[in-house]
Amino acid sequence: MRKVERYPVEGSNALWQIYRTVSPWKGVKNFIFIQLARYCPILPVKNWIYRHVLGMSVGRDTAFALMVMVDVFFPERIKVGNNSIIGYNTTILAHEYLISEYRLGDVVIGDEVLIGANTTILPGVTIGDGAVVAAGSVVHKDVAPGSFVGGNPLRVLERKTE
């Protein structure tokens, strides 16, 4: 099971109650800077935005490809290690708003991890050092270090042997 904090809500679905949990101004500011980073071709500028404007932890030499979408409301809950690659159009979420609850969870991506294009990473998962996630995957559970995983539902395709 993913490591998420669960917060029940009453009345309208949790998404209608989002601004009870996060400032609308934070959402607007983050959205603007995330859109700038998504289209920015200059990796150091992109990482500067993630670190200094959005409060993410981004390791040395990590590269976010074009169109990566990080969590708009809780980007500070995302940590990416050193020398990792986040593939084109990947989405990294640290929140889920459901009908009767919302969930928050840290996303931790280790060192030298490769995330394939069009991957979705859900809240509360850890992707271990040296792991490879195949393009188009939905990461809904932790990934062991050195594993090659893919698909929806996510499954181990190959485990690194030493």
Protein backbone atom coordinates (compact mmCIF):
# COMPACT_ATOMS: atom_id res chain seq x y z
CA MET A 1 0.00 0.00 0.00
CA ARG A 2 1.20 3.50 -0.77
CA LYS A 3 2.21 5.75 2.13
CA VAL A 4 -0.52 8.39 2.08
CA GLU A 5 -2.23 10.50 4.70
CA ARG A 6 -6.03 10.27 4.43
CA TYR A 7 -8.35 13.18 5.24
CA PRO A 8 -12.11 12.53 5.19
CA VAL A 9 -14.48 15.28 4.04
CA GLU A 10 -18.21 15.77 4.43
CA GLY A 11 -20.59 17.34 1.94
CA SER A 12 -19.43 18.05 -1.59
CA ASN A 13 -16.67 15.88 -3.05
CA ALA A 14 -13.16 16.62 -1.84
CA LEU A 15 -12.09 18.47 -5.00
CA TRP A 16 -14.82 21.09 -4.44
CA GLN A 17 -13.23 21.66 -1.02
CA ILE A 18 -9.64 22.00 -2.27
CA TYR A 19 -9.15 25.58 -1.14
CA ARG A 20 -9.76 24.53 2.45
CA THR A 21 -6.51 22.56 2.15
CA VAL A 22 -4.35 24.78 -0.07
CA SER A 23 -4.32 28.48 -0.84
CA PRO A 24 -5.74 29.40 -4.25
CA TRP A 25 -2.83 31.85 -4.64
CA LYS A 26 -0.33 29.05 -4.12
CA GLY A 27 -2.14 27.05 -6.80
CA VAL A 28 -2.09 29.94 -9.29
CA LYS A 29 1.60 30.77 -8.64
CA ASN A 30 2.63 27.11 -8.90
CA PHE A 31 0.59 26.59 -12.07
CA ILE A 32 2.30 29.53 -13.80
CA PHE A 33 5.81 28.39 -12.86
CA ILE A 34 5.11 24.74 -13.65
CA GLN A 35 3.92 25.76 -17.13
CA LEU A 36 7.12 27.79 -17.62
CA ALA A 37 9.22 24.80 -16.53
CA ARG A 38 7.28 22.39 -18.75
CA TYR A 39 8.28 24.32 -21.88
CA CYS A 40 11.72 25.49 -20.77
CA PRO A 41 14.50 23.81 -22.80
CA ILE A 42 17.26 24.90 -20.41
CA LEU A 43 17.69 22.22 -17.71
CA PRO A 44 19.45 24.40 -15.09
CA VAL A 45 16.67 27.01 -15.33
CA LYS A 46 14.01 24.33 -15.09
CA ASN A 47 15.68 22.81 -11.98
CA TRP A 48 16.05 26.29 -10.44
CA ILE A 49 12.29 26.81 -10.77
CA TYR A 50 11.58 23.41 -9.20
CA ARG A 51 13.98 23.99 -6.30
CA HIS A 52 13.64 27.70 -5.52
CA VAL A 53 10.11 28.58 -6.59
CA LEU A 54 8.23 25.33 -6.03
CA GLY A 55 10.25 23.98 -3.10
CA MET A 56 11.00 20.57 -4.60
CA SER A 57 14.13 18.63 -3.71
CA VAL A 58 15.96 18.03 -6.99
CA GLY A 59 19.35 16.34 -7.08
CA ARG A 60 22.45 17.27 -9.03
CA ASP A 61 22.39 16.54 -12.78
CA THR A 62 18.75 15.45 -12.73
CA ALA A 63 16.92 16.15 -15.99
CA PHE A 64 13.20 16.80 -16.44
CA ALA A 65 12.17 16.35 -20.06
CA LEU A 66 9.79 18.62 -21.92
CA MET A 67 6.17 18.71 -20.68
CA VAL A 68 6.73 17.03 -17.29
CA MET A 69 3.82 17.94 -15.01
CA VAL A 70 4.61 18.06 -11.29
CA ASP A 71 1.96 18.36 -8.60
CA VAL A 72 0.46 21.86 -8.69
CA PHE A 73 -0.74 22.00 -5.10
CA PHE A 74 2.00 20.11 -3.21
CA PRO A 75 5.24 20.14 -5.27
CA GLU A 76 7.26 20.44 -2.05
CA ARG A 77 6.34 16.80 -1.35
CA ILE A 78 8.36 15.61 -4.37
CA LYS A 79 12.01 14.57 -4.00
CA VAL A 80 14.17 13.46 -6.94
CA GLY A 81 17.72 12.22 -6.40
CA ASN A 82 20.92 12.80 -8.36
CA ASN A 83 21.43 12.06 -12.06
CA SER A 84 17.86 10.88 -12.71
CA ILE A 85 15.80 11.42 -15.86
CA ILE A 86 12.08 12.14 -15.78
CA GLY A 87 10.70 11.37 -19.25
CA TYR A 88 8.55 13.44 -21.58
CA ASN A 89 5.03 14.27 -20.39
CA THR A 90 5.36 12.40 -17.09
CA THR A 91 2.97 13.40 -14.30
CA ILE A 92 4.10 13.31 -10.67
CA LEU A 93 1.26 13.64 -8.15
CA ALA A 94 1.51 14.17 -4.40
CA HIS A 95 -2.26 14.48 -3.88
CA GLU A 96 -5.50 12.72 -4.78
CA TYR A 97 -8.93 14.27 -4.30
CA LEU A 98 -11.68 11.64 -4.15
CA ILE A 99 -15.41 11.77 -3.40
CA SER A 100 -15.30 11.47 0.39
CA GLU A 101 -11.63 12.06 1.18
CA TYR A 102 -8.38 13.47 -0.08
CA ARG A 103 -4.95 11.89 0.24
CA LEU A 104 -1.47 13.37 0.42
CA GLY A 105 1.78 11.46 0.07
CA ASP A 106 5.44 12.16 -0.53
CA VAL A 107 6.96 10.97 -3.79
CA VAL A 108 10.61 9.93 -3.53
CA ILE A 109 12.55 9.14 -6.69
CA GLY A 110 16.07 7.87 -6.04
CA ASP A 111 19.43 8.42 -7.69
CA GLU A 112 20.05 7.37 -11.31
CA VAL A 113 16.41 6.51 -11.94
CA LEU A 114 14.98 6.54 -15.46
CA ILE A 115 11.28 7.31 -15.80
CA GLY A 116 9.96 6.65 -19.31
CA ALA A 117 7.73 9.06 -21.22
CA ASN A 118 4.04 9.44 -20.38
CA THR A 119 4.34 7.82 -16.97
CA THR A 120 2.04 8.73 -14.07
CA ILE A 121 3.46 8.55 -10.56
CA LEU A 122 0.86 8.50 -7.79
CA PRO A 123 1.24 9.95 -4.27
CA GLY A 124 3.06 8.06 -1.56
CA VAL A 125 5.45 5.99 -3.66
CA THR A 126 9.20 5.52 -3.49
CA ILE A 127 11.19 4.57 -6.57
CA GLY A 128 14.53 3.10 -5.53
CA ASP A 129 18.00 3.99 -6.79
CA GLY A 130 18.83 2.71 -10.27
CA ALA A 131 15.26 1.70 -11.12
CA VAL A 132 13.84 1.98 -14.64
CA VAL A 133 10.13 2.64 -15.22
CA ALA A 134 8.89 1.79 -18.72
CA ALA A 135 7.10 4.44 -20.76
CA GLY A 136 3.36 4.72 -20.23
CA SER A 137 3.36 3.12 -16.79
CA VAL A 138 1.24 3.99 -13.78
CA VAL A 139 3.40 3.82 -10.64
CA HIS A 140 0.92 2.98 -7.89
CA LYS A 141 3.30 1.17 -5.53
CA ASP A 142 6.93 1.31 -4.43
CA VAL A 143 9.61 0.24 -6.90
CA ALA A 144 12.63 -1.66 -5.55
CA PRO A 145 16.11 -0.34 -6.28
CA GLY A 146 17.52 -1.66 -9.55
CA SER A 147 14.16 -2.96 -10.80
CA PHE A 148 12.80 -2.59 -14.31
CA VAL A 149 9.04 -2.12 -14.01
CA GLY A 150 6.23 -1.21 -16.34
CA GLY A 151 2.59 -1.36 -17.24
CA ASN A 152 -0.79 -0.68 -15.70
CA PRO A 153 -1.05 -2.31 -13.27
CA LEU A 154 2.65 -1.92 -12.56
CA ARG A 155 4.65 -5.14 -12.52
CA VAL A 156 8.30 -6.09 -12.31
CA LEU A 157 9.66 -6.82 -15.78
CA GLU A 158 13.23 -7.51 -14.69
CA ARG A 159 15.23 -7.26 -11.50
CA LYS A 160 18.89 -6.22 -11.64
CA THR A 161 21.29 -8.97 -10.60
CA GLU A 162 24.80 -8.30 -9.43
